[in-house]
Amino acid sequence: MAEEIPDREFNFLDVVPDARLAFEQIVQTRDFSRQIALFNASFTPRLVRKASAVTSLDHHTMRQQKGNIHALINWKR
């Protein structure tokens, strides 16, 4: 699937679940700044996914070790 994505165009409404209402609000708004605000409010939260438990633990350990990645690697062994 991933190799099929480059150099292709996709319809936004086909690839973003439940986007139609937000899309309609955005295209009906004439003010560009308001369009950006609506887009951000509707779609930006979807871009950031929650870190896994392992990733969160790694971040926590790295903060405790003040960024010392070697301590993290040694801790995992």
PDB file of N, CA and C in Angstrom:
ATOM      1  N   MET A   1       0.819  -1.202   0.000  1.00  0.00           N
ATOM      2  CA  MET A   1       0.000   0.000   0.000  1.00  0.00           C
ATOM      3  C   MET A   1       0.856   1.256   0.000  1.00  0.00           C
ATOM      4  N   ALA A   2       1.873   1.339   0.841  1.00  0.00           N
ATOM      5  CA  ALA A   2       2.681   2.555   0.945  1.00  0.00           C
ATOM      6  C   ALA A   2       3.352   2.901  -0.376  1.00  0.00           C
ATOM      7  N   GLU A   3       3.756   1.895  -1.126  1.00  0.00           N
ATOM      8  CA  GLU A   3       4.424   2.174  -2.399  1.00  0.00           C
ATOM      9  C   GLU A   3       3.451   2.728  -3.436  1.00  0.00           C
ATOM     10  N   GLU A   4       2.162   2.601  -3.205  1.00  0.00           N
ATOM     11  CA  GLU A   4       1.160   3.119  -4.132  1.00  0.00           C
ATOM     12  C   GLU A   4       0.876   4.604  -3.906  1.00  0.00           C
ATOM     13  N   ILE A   5       1.279   5.153  -2.779  1.00  0.00           N
ATOM     14  CA  ILE A   5       0.911   6.518  -2.413  1.00  0.00           C
ATOM     15  C   ILE A   5       1.711   7.593  -3.161  1.00  0.00           C
ATOM     16  N   PRO A   6       3.039   7.481  -3.323  1.00  0.00           N
ATOM     17  CA  PRO A   6       3.765   8.554  -4.001  1.00  0.00           C
ATOM     18  C   PRO A   6       3.242   8.805  -5.418  1.00  0.00           C
ATOM     19  N   ASP A   7       3.266  10.048  -5.804  1.00  0.00           N
ATOM     20  CA  ASP A   7       2.878  10.479  -7.145  1.00  0.00           C
ATOM     21  C   ASP A   7       1.414  10.204  -7.478  1.00  0.00           C
ATOM     22  N   ARG A   8       0.568  10.166  -6.461  1.00  0.00           N
ATOM     23  CA  ARG A   8      -0.859   9.984  -6.680  1.00  0.00           C
ATOM     24  C   ARG A   8      -1.611  11.087  -5.976  1.00  0.00           C
ATOM     25  N   GLU A   9      -2.770  11.387  -6.474  1.00  0.00           N
ATOM     26  CA  GLU A   9      -3.640  12.365  -5.838  1.00  0.00           C
ATOM     27  C   GLU A   9      -4.846  11.640  -5.264  1.00  0.00           C
ATOM     28  N   PHE A  10      -5.280  12.095  -4.091  1.00  0.00           N
ATOM     29  CA  PHE A  10      -6.431  11.498  -3.437  1.00  0.00           C
ATOM     30  C   PHE A  10      -7.423  12.591  -3.096  1.00  0.00           C
ATOM     31  N   ASN A  11      -8.674  12.276  -3.166  1.00  0.00           N
ATOM     32  CA  ASN A  11      -9.713  13.198  -2.762  1.00  0.00           C
ATOM     33  C   ASN A  11      -9.693  13.293  -1.238  1.00  0.00           C
ATOM     34  N   PHE A  12      -9.610  14.505  -0.728  1.00  0.00           N
ATOM     35  CA  PHE A  12      -9.531  14.736   0.708  1.00  0.00           C
ATOM     36  C   PHE A  12     -10.668  14.036   1.457  1.00  0.00           C
ATOM     37  N   LEU A  13     -11.877  14.143   0.928  1.00  0.00           N
ATOM     38  CA  LEU A  13     -13.028  13.561   1.610  1.00  0.00           C
ATOM     39  C   LEU A  13     -13.015  12.030   1.569  1.00  0.00           C
ATOM     40  N   ASP A  14     -12.287  11.458   0.631  1.00  0.00           N
ATOM     41  CA  ASP A  14     -12.177  10.000   0.557  1.00  0.00           C
ATOM     42  C   ASP A  14     -11.189   9.437   1.576  1.00  0.00           C
ATOM     43  N   VAL A  15     -10.200  10.240   1.949  1.00  0.00           N
ATOM     44  CA  VAL A  15      -9.141   9.714   2.823  1.00  0.00           C
ATOM     45  C   VAL A  15      -9.223  10.198   4.268  1.00  0.00           C
ATOM     46  N   VAL A  16     -10.058  11.190   4.535  1.00  0.00           N
ATOM     47  CA  VAL A  16     -10.193  11.695   5.909  1.00  0.00           C
ATOM     48  C   VAL A  16     -11.593  11.356   6.416  1.00  0.00           C
ATOM     49  N   PRO A  17     -11.672  10.430   7.364  1.00  0.00           N
ATOM     50  CA  PRO A  17     -12.987  10.028   7.878  1.00  0.00           C
ATOM     51  C   PRO A  17     -13.728  11.202   8.529  1.00  0.00           C
ATOM     52  N   ASP A  18     -15.008  11.262   8.309  1.00  0.00           N
ATOM     53  CA  ASP A  18     -15.887  12.265   8.943  1.00  0.00           C
ATOM     54  C   ASP A  18     -15.449  13.706   8.674  1.00  0.00           C
ATOM     55  N   ALA A  19     -14.996  13.979   7.475  1.00  0.00           N
ATOM     56  CA  ALA A  19     -14.484  15.314   7.166  1.00  0.00           C
ATOM     57  C   ALA A  19     -15.516  16.212   6.482  1.00  0.00           C
ATOM     58  N   ARG A  20     -16.602  15.644   6.016  1.00  0.00           N
ATOM     59  CA  ARG A  20     -17.525  16.410   5.174  1.00  0.00           C
ATOM     60  C   ARG A  20     -18.078  17.665   5.856  1.00  0.00           C
ATOM     61  N   LEU A  21     -18.540  17.562   7.080  1.00  0.00           N
ATOM     62  CA  LEU A  21     -19.121  18.725   7.766  1.00  0.00           C
ATOM     63  C   LEU A  21     -18.093  19.844   7.907  1.00  0.00           C
ATOM     64  N   ALA A  22     -16.902  19.510   8.375  1.00  0.00           N
ATOM     65  CA  ALA A  22     -15.853  20.521   8.531  1.00  0.00           C
ATOM     66  C   ALA A  22     -15.482  21.112   7.174  1.00  0.00           C
ATOM     67  N   PHE A  23     -15.377  20.263   6.161  1.00  0.00           N
ATOM     68  CA  PHE A  23     -15.043  20.722   4.812  1.00  0.00           C
ATOM     69  C   PHE A  23     -16.079  21.733   4.315  1.00  0.00           C
ATOM     70  N   GLU A  24     -17.351  21.406   4.508  1.00  0.00           N
ATOM     71  CA  GLU A  24     -18.416  22.316   4.083  1.00  0.00           C
ATOM     72  C   GLU A  24     -18.324  23.655   4.806  1.00  0.00           C
ATOM     73  N   GLN A  25     -18.047  23.636   6.086  1.00  0.00           N
ATOM     74  CA  GLN A  25     -17.913  24.885   6.849  1.00  0.00           C
ATOM     75  C   GLN A  25     -16.736  25.708   6.325  1.00  0.00           C
ATOM     76  N   ILE A  26     -15.643  25.034   6.013  1.00  0.00           N
ATOM     77  CA  ILE A  26     -14.443  25.735   5.544  1.00  0.00           C
ATOM     78  C   ILE A  26     -14.691  26.384   4.189  1.00  0.00           C
ATOM     79  N   VAL A  27     -15.250  25.637   3.239  1.00  0.00           N
ATOM     80  CA  VAL A  27     -15.427  26.195   1.889  1.00  0.00           C
ATOM     81  C   VAL A  27     -16.534  27.244   1.828  1.00  0.00           C
ATOM     82  N   GLN A  28     -17.458  27.231   2.784  1.00  0.00           N
ATOM     83  CA  GLN A  28     -18.511  28.242   2.800  1.00  0.00           C
ATOM     84  C   GLN A  28     -18.070  29.536   3.469  1.00  0.00           C
ATOM     85  N   THR A  29     -16.953  29.506   4.158  1.00  0.00           N
ATOM     86  CA  THR A  29     -16.422  30.690   4.832  1.00  0.00           C
ATOM     87  C   THR A  29     -15.548  31.472   3.862  1.00  0.00           C
ATOM     88  N   ARG A  30     -15.781  32.758   3.758  1.00  0.00           N
ATOM     89  CA  ARG A  30     -15.017  33.576   2.809  1.00  0.00           C
ATOM     90  C   ARG A  30     -13.711  34.104   3.398  1.00  0.00           C
ATOM     91  N   ASP A  31     -13.685  34.270   4.702  1.00  0.00           N
ATOM     92  CA  ASP A  31     -12.506  34.824   5.362  1.00  0.00           C
ATOM     93  C   ASP A  31     -11.418  33.753   5.476  1.00  0.00           C
ATOM     94  N   PHE A  32     -10.274  34.008   4.855  1.00  0.00           N
ATOM     95  CA  PHE A  32      -9.200  33.019   4.813  1.00  0.00           C
ATOM     96  C   PHE A  32      -8.699  32.660   6.216  1.00  0.00           C
ATOM     97  N   SER A  33      -8.552  33.643   7.074  1.00  0.00           N
ATOM     98  CA  SER A  33      -8.099  33.379   8.441  1.00  0.00           C
ATOM     99  C   SER A  33      -9.071  32.464   9.176  1.00  0.00           C
ATOM    100  N   ARG A  34     -10.352  32.682   8.941  1.00  0.00           N
ATOM    101  CA  ARG A  34     -11.377  31.824   9.555  1.00  0.00           C
ATOM    102  C   ARG A  34     -11.308  30.409   8.974  1.00  0.00           C
ATOM    103  N   GLN A  35     -11.024  30.300   7.674  1.00  0.00           N
ATOM    104  CA  GLN A  35     -10.874  28.982   7.059  1.00  0.00           C
ATOM    105  C   GLN A  35      -9.723  28.214   7.707  1.00  0.00           C
ATOM    106  N   ILE A  36      -8.612  28.900   7.918  1.00  0.00           N
ATOM    107  CA  ILE A  36      -7.451  28.268   8.562  1.00  0.00           C
ATOM    108  C   ILE A  36      -7.816  27.836   9.978  1.00  0.00           C
ATOM    109  N   ALA A  37      -8.497  28.707  10.704  1.00  0.00           N
ATOM    110  CA  ALA A  37      -8.886  28.382  12.082  1.00  0.00           C
ATOM    111  C   ALA A  37      -9.823  27.171  12.114  1.00  0.00           C
ATOM    112  N   LEU A  38     -10.769  27.115  11.193  1.00  0.00           N
ATOM    113  CA  LEU A  38     -11.683  25.975  11.130  1.00  0.00           C
ATOM    114  C   LEU A  38     -10.943  24.683  10.788  1.00  0.00           C
ATOM    115  N   PHE A  39     -10.022  24.775   9.823  1.00  0.00           N
ATOM    116  CA  PHE A  39      -9.243  23.594   9.452  1.00  0.00           C
ATOM    117  C   PHE A  39      -8.443  23.096  10.647  1.00  0.00           C
ATOM    118  N   ASN A  40      -7.743  24.007  11.303  1.00  0.00           N
ATOM    119  CA  ASN A  40      -6.929  23.621  12.455  1.00  0.00           C
ATOM    120  C   ASN A  40      -7.773  23.014  13.567  1.00  0.00           C
ATOM    121  N   ALA A  41      -8.917  23.603  13.830  1.00  0.00           N
ATOM    122  CA  ALA A  41      -9.776  23.088  14.893  1.00  0.00           C
ATOM    123  C   ALA A  41     -10.318  21.702  14.549  1.00  0.00           C
ATOM    124  N   SER A  42     -10.564  21.461  13.275  1.00  0.00           N
ATOM    125  CA  SER A  42     -11.159  20.191  12.863  1.00  0.00           C
ATOM    126  C   SER A  42     -10.151  19.080  12.634  1.00  0.00           C
ATOM    127  N   PHE A  43      -8.976  19.423  12.096  1.00  0.00           N
ATOM    128  CA  PHE A  43      -8.078  18.374  11.627  1.00  0.00           C
ATOM    129  C   PHE A  43      -6.735  18.286  12.339  1.00  0.00           C
ATOM    130  N   THR A  44      -6.258  19.369  12.915  1.00  0.00           N
ATOM    131  CA  THR A  44      -4.962  19.321  13.596  1.00  0.00           C
ATOM    132  C   THR A  44      -4.932  18.315  14.738  1.00  0.00           C
ATOM    133  N   PRO A  45      -5.983  18.211  15.560  1.00  0.00           N
ATOM    134  CA  PRO A  45      -5.928  17.212  16.643  1.00  0.00           C
ATOM    135  C   PRO A  45      -5.734  15.781  16.138  1.00  0.00           C
ATOM    136  N   ARG A  46      -6.146  15.503  14.918  1.00  0.00           N
ATOM    137  CA  ARG A  46      -5.996  14.164  14.351  1.00  0.00           C
ATOM    138  C   ARG A  46      -4.562  13.867  13.935  1.00  0.00           C
ATOM    139  N   LEU A  47      -3.767  14.903  13.739  1.00  0.00           N
ATOM    140  CA  LEU A  47      -2.400  14.710  13.255  1.00  0.00           C
ATOM    141  C   LEU A  47      -1.477  14.158  14.324  1.00  0.00           C
ATOM    142  N   VAL A  48      -1.760  14.478  15.550  1.00  0.00           N
ATOM    143  CA  VAL A  48      -0.895  14.063  16.649  1.00  0.00           C
ATOM    144  C   VAL A  48      -1.526  12.870  17.344  1.00  0.00           C
ATOM    145  N   ARG A  49      -0.848  11.757  17.278  1.00  0.00           N
ATOM    146  CA  ARG A  49      -1.388  10.583  17.958  1.00  0.00           C
ATOM    147  C   ARG A  49      -0.719  10.422  19.313  1.00  0.00           C
ATOM    148  N   LYS A  50      -1.393   9.749  20.180  1.00  0.00           N
ATOM    149  CA  LYS A  50      -0.869   9.526  21.517  1.00  0.00           C
ATOM    150  C   LYS A  50       0.308   8.555  21.454  1.00  0.00           C
ATOM    151  N   ALA A  51       1.343   8.868  22.203  1.00  0.00           N
ATOM    152  CA  ALA A  51       2.525   8.005  22.245  1.00  0.00           C
ATOM    153  C   ALA A  51       2.183   6.693  22.939  1.00  0.00           C
ATOM    154  N   SER A  52       2.841   5.635  22.506  1.00  0.00           N
ATOM    155  CA  SER A  52       2.629   4.338  23.148  1.00  0.00           C
ATOM    156  C   SER A  52       3.211   4.367  24.559  1.00  0.00           C
ATOM    157  N   ALA A  53       2.865   3.377  25.343  1.00  0.00           N
ATOM    158  CA  ALA A  53       3.378   3.287  26.714  1.00  0.00           C
ATOM    159  C   ALA A  53       4.900   3.179  26.708  1.00  0.00           C
ATOM    160  N   VAL A  54       5.443   2.415  25.761  1.00  0.00           N
ATOM    161  CA  VAL A  54       6.900   2.247  25.685  1.00  0.00           C
ATOM    162  C   VAL A  54       7.573   3.568  25.328  1.00  0.00           C
ATOM    163  N   THR A  55       7.015   4.293  24.360  1.00  0.00           N
ATOM    164  CA  THR A  55       7.586   5.582  23.973  1.00  0.00           C
ATOM    165  C   THR A  55       7.514   6.564  25.133  1.00  0.00           C
ATOM    166  N   SER A  56       6.391   6.603  25.830  1.00  0.00           N
ATOM    167  CA  SER A  56       6.256   7.493  26.985  1.00  0.00           C
ATOM    168  C   SER A  56       7.273   7.157  28.063  1.00  0.00           C
ATOM    169  N   LEU A  57       7.470   5.868  28.310  1.00  0.00           N
ATOM    170  CA  LEU A  57       8.457   5.440  29.291  1.00  0.00           C
ATOM    171  C   LEU A  57       9.863   5.855  28.863  1.00  0.00           C
ATOM    172  N   ASP A  58      10.167   5.688  27.573  1.00  0.00           N
ATOM    173  CA  ASP A  58      11.474   6.114  27.050  1.00  0.00           C
ATOM    174  C   ASP A  58      11.688   7.610  27.252  1.00  0.00           C
ATOM    175  N   HIS A  59      10.672   8.410  26.921  1.00  0.00           N
ATOM    176  CA  HIS A  59      10.786   9.864  27.100  1.00  0.00           C
ATOM    177  C   HIS A  59      10.996  10.211  28.572  1.00  0.00           C
ATOM    178  N   HIS A  60      10.246   9.563  29.431  1.00  0.00           N
ATOM    179  CA  HIS A  60      10.369   9.811  30.868  1.00  0.00           C
ATOM    180  C   HIS A  60      11.787   9.473  31.352  1.00  0.00           C
ATOM    181  N   THR A  61      12.290   8.317  30.925  1.00  0.00           N
ATOM    182  CA  THR A  61      13.637   7.887  31.341  1.00  0.00           C
ATOM    183  C   THR A  61      14.697   8.832  30.796  1.00  0.00           C
ATOM    184  N   MET A  62      14.549   9.269  29.552  1.00  0.00           N
ATOM    185  CA  MET A  62      15.528  10.205  28.978  1.00  0.00           C
ATOM    186  C   MET A  62      15.520  11.532  29.735  1.00  0.00           C
ATOM    187  N   ARG A  63      14.324  11.993  30.141  1.00  0.00           N
ATOM    188  CA  ARG A  63      14.269  13.233  30.938  1.00  0.00           C
ATOM    189  C   ARG A  63      14.957  13.026  32.284  1.00  0.00           C
ATOM    190  N   GLN A  64      14.724  11.881  32.916  1.00  0.00           N
ATOM    191  CA  GLN A  64      15.378  11.592  34.197  1.00  0.00           C
ATOM    192  C   GLN A  64      16.892  11.563  34.035  1.00  0.00           C
ATOM    193  N   GLN A  65      17.356  11.047  32.907  1.00  0.00           N
ATOM    194  CA  GLN A  65      18.799  10.930  32.655  1.00  0.00           C
ATOM    195  C   GLN A  65      19.359  12.186  31.980  1.00  0.00           C
ATOM    196  N   LYS A  66      18.545  13.231  31.931  1.00  0.00           N
ATOM    197  CA  LYS A  66      18.944  14.514  31.330  1.00  0.00           C
ATOM    198  C   LYS A  66      19.443  14.344  29.899  1.00  0.00           C
ATOM    199  N   GLY A  67      18.736  13.513  29.136  1.00  0.00           N
ATOM    200  CA  GLY A  67      19.049  13.333  27.724  1.00  0.00           C
ATOM    201  C   GLY A  67      20.132  12.317  27.438  1.00  0.00           C
ATOM    202  N   ASN A  68      20.630  11.640  28.458  1.00  0.00           N
ATOM    203  CA  ASN A  68      21.688  10.656  28.273  1.00  0.00           C
ATOM    204  C   ASN A  68      21.093   9.384  27.654  1.00  0.00           C
ATOM    205  N   ILE A  69      21.198   9.272  26.341  1.00  0.00           N
ATOM    206  CA  ILE A  69      20.623   8.129  25.631  1.00  0.00           C
ATOM    207  C   ILE A  69      21.334   6.837  26.007  1.00  0.00           C
ATOM    208  N   HIS A  70      22.609   6.915  26.304  1.00  0.00           N
ATOM    209  CA  HIS A  70      23.352   5.716  26.696  1.00  0.00           C
ATOM    210  C   HIS A  70      22.745   5.090  27.957  1.00  0.00           C
ATOM    211  N   ALA A  71      22.289   5.918  28.876  1.00  0.00           N
ATOM    212  CA  ALA A  71      21.653   5.396  30.090  1.00  0.00           C
ATOM    213  C   ALA A  71      20.364   4.668  29.729  1.00  0.00           C
ATOM    214  N   LEU A  72      19.636   5.193  28.757  1.00  0.00           N
ATOM    215  CA  LEU A  72      18.402   4.555  28.311  1.00  0.00           C
ATOM    216  C   LEU A  72      18.716   3.195  27.685  1.00  0.00           C
ATOM    217  N   ILE A  73      19.721   3.146  26.833  1.00  0.00           N
ATOM    218  CA  ILE A  73      20.102   1.882  26.170  1.00  0.00           C
ATOM    219  C   ILE A  73      20.550   0.873  27.210  1.00  0.00           C
ATOM    220  N   ASN A  74      21.359   1.290  28.147  1.00  0.00           N
ATOM    221  CA  ASN A  74      21.835   0.374  29.201  1.00  0.00           C
ATOM    222  C   ASN A  74      20.688  -0.085  30.089  1.00  0.00           C
ATOM    223  N   TRP A  75      19.713   0.797  30.340  1.00  0.00           N
ATOM    224  CA  TRP A  75      18.568   0.457  31.173  1.00  0.00           C
ATOM    225  C   TRP A  75      17.723  -0.634  30.523  1.00  0.00           C
ATOM    226  N   LYS A  76      17.612  -0.599  29.173  1.00  0.00           N
ATOM    227  CA  LYS A  76      16.780  -1.558  28.465  1.00  0.00           C
ATOM    228  C   LYS A  76      17.424  -2.939  28.385  1.00  0.00           C
ATOM    229  N   ARG A  77      18.699  -3.044  28.600  1.00  0.00           N
ATOM    230  CA  ARG A  77      19.380  -4.345  28.469  1.00  0.00           C
ATOM    231  C   ARG A  77      19.110  -5.244  29.611  1.00  0.00           C
TER     232      ARG A  77
END
